[in-house]
PDB file of N, CA and C in Angstrom:
ATOM      1  N   MET A   1      22.638  -1.573   0.140  1.00  0.00           N
ATOM      2  CA  MET A   1      22.452  -2.809   0.875  1.00  0.00           C
ATOM      3  C   MET A   1      21.716  -2.547   2.194  1.00  0.00           C
ATOM      4  N   LEU A   2      22.082  -1.480   2.853  1.00  0.00           N
ATOM      5  CA  LEU A   2      21.413  -1.127   4.099  1.00  0.00           C
ATOM      6  C   LEU A   2      19.947  -0.782   3.846  1.00  0.00           C
ATOM      7  N   TYR A   3      19.693  -0.072   2.743  1.00  0.00           N
ATOM      8  CA  TYR A   3      18.320   0.295   2.379  1.00  0.00           C
ATOM      9  C   TYR A   3      17.480  -0.957   2.124  1.00  0.00           C
ATOM     10  N   ALA A   4      18.043  -1.933   1.404  1.00  0.00           N
ATOM     11  CA  ALA A   4      17.313  -3.168   1.101  1.00  0.00           C
ATOM     12  C   ALA A   4      17.028  -3.956   2.374  1.00  0.00           C
ATOM     13  N   THR A   5      17.993  -4.003   3.274  1.00  0.00           N
ATOM     14  CA  THR A   5      17.794  -4.718   4.532  1.00  0.00           C
ATOM     15  C   THR A   5      16.717  -4.044   5.375  1.00  0.00           C
ATOM     16  N   ALA A   6      16.750  -2.722   5.429  1.00  0.00           N
ATOM     17  CA  ALA A   6      15.737  -1.991   6.195  1.00  0.00           C
ATOM     18  C   ALA A   6      14.352  -2.187   5.588  1.00  0.00           C
ATOM     19  N   LEU A   7      14.270  -2.127   4.265  1.00  0.00           N
ATOM     20  CA  LEU A   7      12.981  -2.321   3.602  1.00  0.00           C
ATOM     21  C   LEU A   7      12.453  -3.728   3.837  1.00  0.00           C
ATOM     22  N   PHE A   8      13.358  -4.710   3.792  1.00  0.00           N
ATOM     23  CA  PHE A   8      12.944  -6.089   4.037  1.00  0.00           C
ATOM     24  C   PHE A   8      12.444  -6.251   5.470  1.00  0.00           C
ATOM     25  N   SER A   9      13.147  -5.662   6.444  1.00  0.00           N
ATOM     26  CA  SER A   9      12.718  -5.790   7.838  1.00  0.00           C
ATOM     27  C   SER A   9      11.369  -5.142   8.058  1.00  0.00           C
ATOM     28  N   ILE A  10      11.189  -3.957   7.480  1.00  0.00           N
ATOM     29  CA  ILE A  10       9.914  -3.260   7.661  1.00  0.00           C
ATOM     30  C   ILE A  10       8.779  -4.057   7.029  1.00  0.00           C
ATOM     31  N   SER A  11       9.000  -4.543   5.804  1.00  0.00           N
ATOM     32  CA  SER A  11       7.921  -5.250   5.117  1.00  0.00           C
ATOM     33  C   SER A  11       7.658  -6.614   5.734  1.00  0.00           C
ATOM     34  N   TYR A  12       8.659  -7.219   6.344  1.00  0.00           N
ATOM     35  CA  TYR A  12       8.462  -8.549   6.931  1.00  0.00           C
ATOM     36  C   TYR A  12       7.789  -8.462   8.298  1.00  0.00           C
ATOM     37  N   PHE A  13       8.226  -7.535   9.125  1.00  0.00           N
ATOM     38  CA  PHE A  13       7.707  -7.483  10.488  1.00  0.00           C
ATOM     39  C   PHE A  13       6.505  -6.558  10.647  1.00  0.00           C
ATOM     40  N   PHE A  14       6.351  -5.588   9.753  1.00  0.00           N
ATOM     41  CA  PHE A  14       5.227  -4.654   9.864  1.00  0.00           C
ATOM     42  C   PHE A  14       4.493  -4.547   8.528  1.00  0.00           C
ATOM     43  N   PRO A  15       3.927  -5.651   8.030  1.00  0.00           N
ATOM     44  CA  PRO A  15       3.296  -5.581   6.709  1.00  0.00           C
ATOM     45  C   PRO A  15       2.021  -4.753   6.696  1.00  0.00           C
ATOM     46  N   PHE A  16       1.390  -4.566   7.861  1.00  0.00           N
ATOM     47  CA  PHE A  16       0.119  -3.860   7.882  1.00  0.00           C
ATOM     48  C   PHE A  16       0.291  -2.370   8.155  1.00  0.00           C
ATOM     49  N   SER A  17       1.444  -1.960   8.627  1.00  0.00           N
ATOM     50  CA  SER A  17       1.587  -0.565   9.020  1.00  0.00           C
ATOM     51  C   SER A  17       1.750   0.362   7.822  1.00  0.00           C
ATOM     52  N   ILE A  18       2.463  -0.081   6.786  1.00  0.00           N
ATOM     53  CA  ILE A  18       2.705   0.792   5.635  1.00  0.00           C
ATOM     54  C   ILE A  18       1.410   1.108   4.890  1.00  0.00           C
ATOM     55  N   PRO A  19       0.574   0.107   4.530  1.00  0.00           N
ATOM     56  CA  PRO A  19      -0.690   0.463   3.885  1.00  0.00           C
ATOM     57  C   PRO A  19      -1.595   1.286   4.790  1.00  0.00           C
ATOM     58  N   SER A  20      -1.554   1.009   6.095  1.00  0.00           N
ATOM     59  CA  SER A  20      -2.403   1.764   7.009  1.00  0.00           C
ATOM     60  C   SER A  20      -1.993   3.228   7.060  1.00  0.00           C
ATOM     61  N   LEU A  21      -0.689   3.489   7.091  1.00  0.00           N
ATOM     62  CA  LEU A  21      -0.225   4.874   7.118  1.00  0.00           C
ATOM     63  C   LEU A  21      -0.560   5.596   5.820  1.00  0.00           C
ATOM     64  N   LEU A  22      -0.386   4.909   4.688  1.00  0.00           N
ATOM     65  CA  LEU A  22      -0.726   5.530   3.411  1.00  0.00           C
ATOM     66  C   LEU A  22      -2.225   5.767   3.306  1.00  0.00           C
ATOM     67  N   LEU A  23      -3.006   4.816   3.786  1.00  0.00           N
ATOM     68  CA  LEU A  23      -4.460   4.973   3.783  1.00  0.00           C
ATOM     69  C   LEU A  23      -4.869   6.143   4.660  1.00  0.00           C
ATOM     70  N   LEU A  24      -4.252   6.248   5.826  1.00  0.00           N
ATOM     71  CA  LEU A  24      -4.565   7.340   6.735  1.00  0.00           C
ATOM     72  C   LEU A  24      -4.214   8.685   6.116  1.00  0.00           C
ATOM     73  N   SER A  25      -3.059   8.753   5.432  1.00  0.00           N
ATOM     74  CA  SER A  25      -2.680  10.013   4.797  1.00  0.00           C
ATOM     75  C   SER A  25      -3.645  10.377   3.681  1.00  0.00           C
ATOM     76  N   LEU A  26      -4.114   9.368   2.919  1.00  0.00           N
ATOM     77  CA  LEU A  26      -5.102   9.652   1.880  1.00  0.00           C
ATOM     78  C   LEU A  26      -6.410  10.140   2.485  1.00  0.00           C
ATOM     79  N   LEU A  27      -6.819   9.528   3.587  1.00  0.00           N
ATOM     80  CA  LEU A  27      -8.065   9.948   4.225  1.00  0.00           C
ATOM     81  C   LEU A  27      -7.960  11.358   4.778  1.00  0.00           C
ATOM     82  N   VAL A  28      -6.802  11.697   5.326  1.00  0.00           N
ATOM     83  CA  VAL A  28      -6.616  13.044   5.857  1.00  0.00           C
ATOM     84  C   VAL A  28      -6.630  14.062   4.727  1.00  0.00           C
ATOM     85  N   LEU A  29      -5.970  13.730   3.600  1.00  0.00           N
ATOM     86  CA  LEU A  29      -5.914  14.663   2.482  1.00  0.00           C
ATOM     87  C   LEU A  29      -7.266  14.824   1.801  1.00  0.00           C
ATOM     88  N   GLN A  30      -8.036  13.738   1.721  1.00  0.00           N
ATOM     89  CA  GLN A  30      -9.287  13.761   0.978  1.00  0.00           C
ATOM     90  C   GLN A  30     -10.512  13.802   1.892  1.00  0.00           C
ATOM     91  N   ASP A  31     -10.343  14.135   3.160  1.00  0.00           N
ATOM     92  CA  ASP A  31     -11.425  13.983   4.128  1.00  0.00           C
ATOM     93  C   ASP A  31     -12.626  14.859   3.811  1.00  0.00           C
ATOM     94  N   ASP A  32     -12.394  16.039   3.252  1.00  0.00           N
ATOM     95  CA  ASP A  32     -13.519  16.923   2.980  1.00  0.00           C
ATOM     96  C   ASP A  32     -14.282  16.510   1.731  1.00  0.00           C
ATOM     97  N   GLN A  33     -13.754  15.574   0.943  1.00  0.00           N
ATOM     98  CA  GLN A  33     -14.397  15.207  -0.309  1.00  0.00           C
ATOM     99  C   GLN A  33     -14.982  13.801  -0.297  1.00  0.00           C
ATOM    100  N   VAL A  34     -14.856  13.070   0.802  1.00  0.00           N
ATOM    101  CA  VAL A  34     -15.322  11.686   0.807  1.00  0.00           C
ATOM    102  C   VAL A  34     -16.480  11.499   1.767  1.00  0.00           C
ATOM    103  N   ASP A  35     -17.300  10.507   1.466  1.00  0.00           N
ATOM    104  CA  ASP A  35     -18.398  10.117   2.332  1.00  0.00           C
ATOM    105  C   ASP A  35     -18.093   8.716   2.819  1.00  0.00           C
ATOM    106  N   LYS A  36     -17.840   8.571   4.124  1.00  0.00           N
ATOM    107  CA  LYS A  36     -17.400   7.287   4.654  1.00  0.00           C
ATOM    108  C   LYS A  36     -18.604   6.474   5.128  1.00  0.00           C
ATOM    109  N   ARG A  37     -18.646   5.228   4.697  1.00  0.00           N
ATOM    110  CA  ARG A  37     -19.687   4.308   5.158  1.00  0.00           C
ATOM    111  C   ARG A  37     -19.057   2.951   5.408  1.00  0.00           C
ATOM    112  N   VAL A  38     -19.640   2.181   6.313  1.00  0.00           N
ATOM    113  CA  VAL A  38     -19.147   0.839   6.606  1.00  0.00           C
ATOM    114  C   VAL A  38     -20.280  -0.137   6.315  1.00  0.00           C
ATOM    115  N   ASN A  39     -19.983  -1.172   5.517  1.00  0.00           N
ATOM    116  CA  ASN A  39     -21.029  -2.150   5.211  1.00  0.00           C
ATOM    117  C   ASN A  39     -21.105  -3.216   6.296  1.00  0.00           C
ATOM    118  N   THR A  40     -21.943  -4.243   6.091  1.00  0.00           N
ATOM    119  CA  THR A  40     -22.173  -5.243   7.135  1.00  0.00           C
ATOM    120  C   THR A  40     -20.954  -6.100   7.401  1.00  0.00           C
ATOM    121  N   ASN A  41     -20.047  -6.222   6.437  1.00  0.00           N
ATOM    122  CA  ASN A  41     -18.840  -7.018   6.643  1.00  0.00           C
ATOM    123  C   ASN A  41     -17.745  -6.232   7.351  1.00  0.00           C
ATOM    124  N   GLY A  42     -17.967  -4.979   7.609  1.00  0.00           N
ATOM    125  CA  GLY A  42     -16.967  -4.168   8.272  1.00  0.00           C
ATOM    126  C   GLY A  42     -15.942  -3.582   7.328  1.00  0.00           C
ATOM    127  N   VAL A  43     -16.096  -3.827   6.032  1.00  0.00           N
ATOM    128  CA  VAL A  43     -15.153  -3.255   5.069  1.00  0.00           C
ATOM    129  C   VAL A  43     -15.575  -1.823   4.794  1.00  0.00           C
ATOM    130  N   ARG A  44     -14.639  -0.930   4.906  1.00  0.00           N
ATOM    131  CA  ARG A  44     -14.955   0.477   4.719  1.00  0.00           C
ATOM    132  C   ARG A  44     -15.183   0.772   3.246  1.00  0.00           C
ATOM    133  N   ILE A  45     -16.301   1.389   2.956  1.00  0.00           N
ATOM    134  CA  ILE A  45     -16.607   1.796   1.586  1.00  0.00           C
ATOM    135  C   ILE A  45     -16.499   3.313   1.532  1.00  0.00           C
ATOM    136  N   ILE A  46     -15.676   3.779   0.652  1.00  0.00           N
ATOM    137  CA  ILE A  46     -15.500   5.217   0.493  1.00  0.00           C
ATOM    138  C   ILE A  46     -16.134   5.612  -0.834  1.00  0.00           C
ATOM    139  N   GLN A  47     -17.130   6.466  -0.757  1.00  0.00           N
ATOM    140  CA  GLN A  47     -17.754   6.943  -1.979  1.00  0.00           C
ATOM    141  C   GLN A  47     -17.362   8.398  -2.165  1.00  0.00           C
ATOM    142  N   HIS A  48     -16.587   8.621  -3.167  1.00  0.00           N
ATOM    143  CA  HIS A  48     -16.096   9.959  -3.449  1.00  0.00           C
ATOM    144  C   HIS A  48     -17.163  10.735  -4.206  1.00  0.00           C
ATOM    145  N   ILE A  49     -17.251  12.019  -3.968  1.00  0.00           N
ATOM    146  CA  ILE A  49     -18.186  12.856  -4.706  1.00  0.00           C
ATOM    147  C   ILE A  49     -17.789  12.821  -6.175  1.00  0.00           C
ATOM    148  N   ASP A  50     -18.737  12.512  -7.030  1.00  0.00           N
ATOM    149  CA  ASP A  50     -18.444  12.322  -8.451  1.00  0.00           C
ATOM    150  C   ASP A  50     -18.306  13.679  -9.120  1.00  0.00           C
ATOM    151  N   ASP A  51     -17.077  14.051  -9.413  1.00  0.00           N
ATOM    152  CA  ASP A  51     -16.837  15.302 -10.127  1.00  0.00           C
ATOM    153  C   ASP A  51     -16.228  15.040 -11.493  1.00  0.00           C
ATOM    154  N   GLY A  52     -16.334  13.790 -11.969  1.00  0.00           N
ATOM    155  CA  GLY A  52     -15.823  13.462 -13.294  1.00  0.00           C
ATOM    156  C   GLY A  52     -14.323  13.267 -13.335  1.00  0.00           C
ATOM    157  N   ASP A  53     -13.701  13.083 -12.172  1.00  0.00           N
ATOM    158  CA  ASP A  53     -12.248  12.940 -12.121  1.00  0.00           C
ATOM    159  C   ASP A  53     -11.884  11.470 -11.980  1.00  0.00           C
ATOM    160  N   ASP A  54     -10.808  11.050 -12.649  1.00  0.00           N
ATOM    161  CA  ASP A  54     -10.360   9.664 -12.548  1.00  0.00           C
ATOM    162  C   ASP A  54      -9.765   9.354 -11.184  1.00  0.00           C
ATOM    163  N   ASN A  55      -9.392  10.366 -10.431  1.00  0.00           N
ATOM    164  CA  ASN A  55      -8.840  10.132  -9.101  1.00  0.00           C
ATOM    165  C   ASN A  55      -9.867   9.489  -8.177  1.00  0.00           C
ATOM    166  N   ASP A  56     -11.170   9.663  -8.485  1.00  0.00           N
ATOM    167  CA  ASP A  56     -12.208   9.027  -7.672  1.00  0.00           C
ATOM    168  C   ASP A  56     -12.051   7.520  -7.703  1.00  0.00           C
ATOM    169  N   ARG A  57     -11.891   6.977  -8.898  1.00  0.00           N
ATOM    170  CA  ARG A  57     -11.776   5.524  -9.037  1.00  0.00           C
ATOM    171  C   ARG A  57     -10.476   5.024  -8.420  1.00  0.00           C
ATOM    172  N   ILE A  58      -9.396   5.776  -8.608  1.00  0.00           N
ATOM    173  CA  ILE A  58      -8.104   5.371  -8.047  1.00  0.00           C
ATOM    174  C   ILE A  58      -8.181   5.355  -6.523  1.00  0.00           C
ATOM    175  N   LEU A  59      -8.790   6.383  -5.945  1.00  0.00           N
ATOM    176  CA  LEU A  59      -8.923   6.458  -4.490  1.00  0.00           C
ATOM    177  C   LEU A  59      -9.788   5.319  -3.965  1.00  0.00           C
ATOM    178  N   ALA A  60     -10.902   5.038  -4.658  1.00  0.00           N
ATOM    179  CA  ALA A  60     -11.783   3.958  -4.216  1.00  0.00           C
ATOM    180  C   ALA A  60     -11.076   2.611  -4.299  1.00  0.00           C
ATOM    181  N   LEU A  61     -10.324   2.378  -5.378  1.00  0.00           N
ATOM    182  CA  LEU A  61      -9.596   1.116  -5.527  1.00  0.00           C
ATOM    183  C   LEU A  61      -8.515   0.994  -4.460  1.00  0.00           C
ATOM    184  N   TRP A  62      -7.792   2.083  -4.217  1.00  0.00           N
ATOM    185  CA  TRP A  62      -6.731   2.066  -3.206  1.00  0.00           C
ATOM    186  C   TRP A  62      -7.302   1.742  -1.826  1.00  0.00           C
ATOM    187  N   LEU A  63      -8.416   2.381  -1.482  1.00  0.00           N
ATOM    188  CA  LEU A  63      -8.998   2.166  -0.162  1.00  0.00           C
ATOM    189  C   LEU A  63      -9.575   0.764  -0.032  1.00  0.00           C
ATOM    190  N   PHE A  64     -10.137   0.226  -1.124  1.00  0.00           N
ATOM    191  CA  PHE A  64     -10.653  -1.140  -1.070  1.00  0.00           C
ATOM    192  C   PHE A  64      -9.515  -2.131  -0.864  1.00  0.00           C
ATOM    193  N   LEU A  65      -8.425  -1.946  -1.610  1.00  0.00           N
ATOM    194  CA  LEU A  65      -7.304  -2.878  -1.500  1.00  0.00           C
ATOM    195  C   LEU A  65      -6.647  -2.803  -0.132  1.00  0.00           C
ATOM    196  N   SER A  66      -6.523  -1.592   0.405  1.00  0.00           N
ATOM    197  CA  SER A  66      -5.824  -1.480   1.672  1.00  0.00           C
ATOM    198  C   SER A  66      -6.719  -1.784   2.860  1.00  0.00           C
ATOM    199  N   SER A  67      -8.026  -1.955   2.650  1.00  0.00           N
ATOM    200  CA  SER A  67      -8.890  -2.287   3.783  1.00  0.00           C
ATOM    201  C   SER A  67      -9.345  -3.736   3.764  1.00  0.00           C
ATOM    202  N   SER A  68      -8.930  -4.498   2.788  1.00  0.00           N
ATOM    203  CA  SER A  68      -9.357  -5.893   2.718  1.00  0.00           C
ATOM    204  C   SER A  68      -8.180  -6.823   2.972  1.00  0.00           C
ATOM    205  N   THR A  69      -8.484  -8.057   3.283  1.00  0.00           N
ATOM    206  CA  THR A  69      -7.441  -9.056   3.523  1.00  0.00           C
ATOM    207  C   THR A  69      -6.621  -9.296   2.270  1.00  0.00           C
ATOM    208  N   THR A  70      -7.282  -9.303   1.125  1.00  0.00           N
ATOM    209  CA  THR A  70      -6.567  -9.481  -0.140  1.00  0.00           C
ATOM    210  C   THR A  70      -5.590  -8.342  -0.367  1.00  0.00           C
ATOM    211  N   GLY A  71      -6.013  -7.138  -0.021  1.00  0.00           N
ATOM    212  CA  GLY A  71      -5.131  -5.990  -0.180  1.00  0.00           C
ATOM    213  C   GLY A  71      -3.897  -6.095   0.683  1.00  0.00           C
ATOM    214  N   TYR A  72      -4.082  -6.524   1.940  1.00  0.00           N
ATOM    215  CA  TYR A  72      -2.924  -6.688   2.815  1.00  0.00           C
ATOM    216  C   TYR A  72      -1.976  -7.751   2.275  1.00  0.00           C
ATOM    217  N   SER A  73      -2.536  -8.827   1.746  1.00  0.00           N
ATOM    218  CA  SER A  73      -1.685  -9.875   1.177  1.00  0.00           C
ATOM    219  C   SER A  73      -0.918  -9.363  -0.033  1.00  0.00           C
ATOM    220  N   LEU A  74      -1.589  -8.590  -0.886  1.00  0.00           N
ATOM    221  CA  LEU A  74      -0.917  -8.042  -2.070  1.00  0.00           C
ATOM    222  C   LEU A  74       0.191  -7.073  -1.678  1.00  0.00           C
ATOM    223  N   PHE A  75      -0.096  -6.194  -0.702  1.00  0.00           N
ATOM    224  CA  PHE A  75       0.928  -5.253  -0.263  1.00  0.00           C
ATOM    225  C   PHE A  75       2.119  -5.987   0.346  1.00  0.00           C
ATOM    226  N   PHE A  76       1.842  -6.981   1.192  1.00  0.00           N
ATOM    227  CA  PHE A  76       2.918  -7.726   1.827  1.00  0.00           C
ATOM    228  C   PHE A  76       3.757  -8.445   0.780  1.00  0.00           C
ATOM    229  N   PHE A  77       3.090  -9.075  -0.192  1.00  0.00           N
ATOM    230  CA  PHE A  77       3.801  -9.820  -1.229  1.00  0.00           C
ATOM    231  C   PHE A  77       4.638  -8.879  -2.095  1.00  0.00           C
ATOM    232  N   SER A  78       4.086  -7.713  -2.439  1.00  0.00           N
ATOM    233  CA  SER A  78       4.842  -6.781  -3.280  1.00  0.00           C
ATOM    234  C   SER A  78       6.051  -6.222  -2.536  1.00  0.00           C
ATOM    235  N   PHE A  79       5.888  -5.877  -1.251  1.00  0.00           N
ATOM    236  CA  PHE A  79       7.029  -5.384  -0.482  1.00  0.00           C
ATOM    237  C   PHE A  79       8.077  -6.473  -0.292  1.00  0.00           C
ATOM    238  N   LEU A  80       7.625  -7.703  -0.102  1.00  0.00           N
ATOM    239  CA  LEU A  80       8.555  -8.813   0.053  1.00  0.00           C
ATOM    240  C   LEU A  80       9.357  -9.037  -1.226  1.00  0.00           C
ATOM    241  N   LEU A  81       8.674  -9.020  -2.375  1.00  0.00           N
ATOM    242  CA  LEU A  81       9.375  -9.187  -3.655  1.00  0.00           C
ATOM    243  C   LEU A  81      10.364  -8.052  -3.902  1.00  0.00           C
ATOM    244  N   LEU A  82       9.937  -6.829  -3.618  1.00  0.00           N
ATOM    245  CA  LEU A  82      10.825  -5.687  -3.810  1.00  0.00           C
ATOM    246  C   LEU A  82      12.042  -5.785  -2.899  1.00  0.00           C
ATOM    247  N   SER A  83      11.833  -6.210  -1.667  1.00  0.00           N
ATOM    248  CA  SER A  83      12.947  -6.345  -0.731  1.00  0.00           C
ATOM    249  C   SER A  83      13.934  -7.405  -1.186  1.00  0.00           C
ATOM    250  N   VAL A  84      13.414  -8.547  -1.636  1.00  0.00           N
ATOM    251  CA  VAL A  84      14.295  -9.616  -2.109  1.00  0.00           C
ATOM    252  C   VAL A  84      15.065  -9.160  -3.342  1.00  0.00           C
ATOM    253  N   PHE A  85      14.376  -8.454  -4.249  1.00  0.00           N
ATOM    254  CA  PHE A  85      15.049  -7.963  -5.454  1.00  0.00           C
ATOM    255  C   PHE A  85      16.155  -6.974  -5.098  1.00  0.00           C
ATOM    256  N   LEU A  86      15.856  -6.031  -4.206  1.00  0.00           N
ATOM    257  CA  LEU A  86      16.862  -5.037  -3.834  1.00  0.00           C
ATOM    258  C   LEU A  86      18.013  -5.660  -3.053  1.00  0.00           C
ATOM    259  N   PHE A  87      17.738  -6.756  -2.355  1.00  0.00           N
ATOM    260  CA  PHE A  87      18.790  -7.417  -1.589  1.00  0.00           C
ATOM    261  C   PHE A  87      19.741  -8.186  -2.505  1.00  0.00           C
ATOM    262  N   PHE A  88      19.184  -8.885  -3.516  1.00  0.00           N
ATOM    263  CA  PHE A  88      20.013  -9.735  -4.360  1.00  0.00           C
ATOM    264  C   PHE A  88      20.504  -9.050  -5.632  1.00  0.00           C
ATOM    265  N   ALA A  89      19.935  -7.917  -6.005  1.00  0.00           N
ATOM    266  CA  ALA A  89      20.349  -7.249  -7.242  1.00  0.00           C
ATOM    267  C   ALA A  89      21.819  -6.825  -7.221  1.00  0.00           C
ATOM    268  N   PRO A  90      22.340  -6.254  -6.127  1.00  0.00           N
ATOM    269  CA  PRO A  90      23.764  -5.890  -6.142  1.00  0.00           C
ATOM    270  C   PRO A  90      24.687  -7.100  -6.266  1.00  0.00           C
ATOM    271  N   MET A  91      24.244  -8.262  -5.790  1.00  0.00           N
ATOM    272  CA  MET A  91      25.079  -9.455  -5.887  1.00  0.00           C
ATOM    273  C   MET A  91      25.151  -9.981  -7.317  1.00  0.00           C
ATOM    274  N   ALA A  92      24.135  -9.668  -8.113  1.00  0.00           N
ATOM    275  CA  ALA A  92      24.103 -10.163  -9.490  1.00  0.00           C
ATOM    276  C   ALA A  92      25.005  -9.344 -10.408  1.00  0.00           C
ATOM    277  N   VAL A  93      25.335  -8.132  -9.992  1.00  0.00           N
ATOM    278  CA  VAL A  93      26.199  -7.284 -10.815  1.00  0.00           C
ATOM    279  C   VAL A  93      27.641  -7.747 -10.643  1.00  0.00           C
ATOM    280  N   GLN A  94      28.299  -8.011 -11.749  1.00  0.00           N
ATOM    281  CA  GLN A  94      29.691  -8.471 -11.688  1.00  0.00           C
ATOM    282  C   GLN A  94      30.613  -7.263 -11.806  1.00  0.00           C
ATOM    283  N   HIS A  95      31.407  -7.096 -10.786  1.00  0.00           N
ATOM    284  CA  HIS A  95      32.348  -5.983 -10.783  1.00  0.00           C
ATOM    285  C   HIS A  95      33.685  -6.456 -11.351  1.00  0.00           C
ATOM    286  N   PRO A  96      34.329  -5.635 -12.156  1.00  0.00           N
ATOM    287  CA  PRO A  96      35.647  -6.030 -12.673  1.00  0.00           C
ATOM    288  C   PRO A  96      36.682  -6.072 -11.549  1.00  0.00           C
ATOM    289  N   PRO A  97      37.627  -6.957 -11.638  1.00  0.00           N
ATOM    290  CA  PRO A  97      38.635  -7.072 -10.566  1.00  0.00           C
ATOM    291  C   PRO A  97      39.572  -5.869 -10.514  1.00  0.00           C
TER     292      PRO A  97
END
């Protein structure tokens, strides 16, 4: 219950910090393999060196989602749903008397 409350508070009051921290950690880990460019809209485009790995596409998709408004909305909505589920799930379990 405490975990669900903490997760709900974090996702409700700091919806932008969690994706930003994860994005920053990905950039730090992959910094030597990426070429960073910014387009005219200010959205960061990360072009990974093509070595035939599927992680390139996953990294590009992750960075696109976490750098766009749609991505922030999706992250906020998913954390909110997870928090609500974790908060109400223990109440749905019926304990024997």
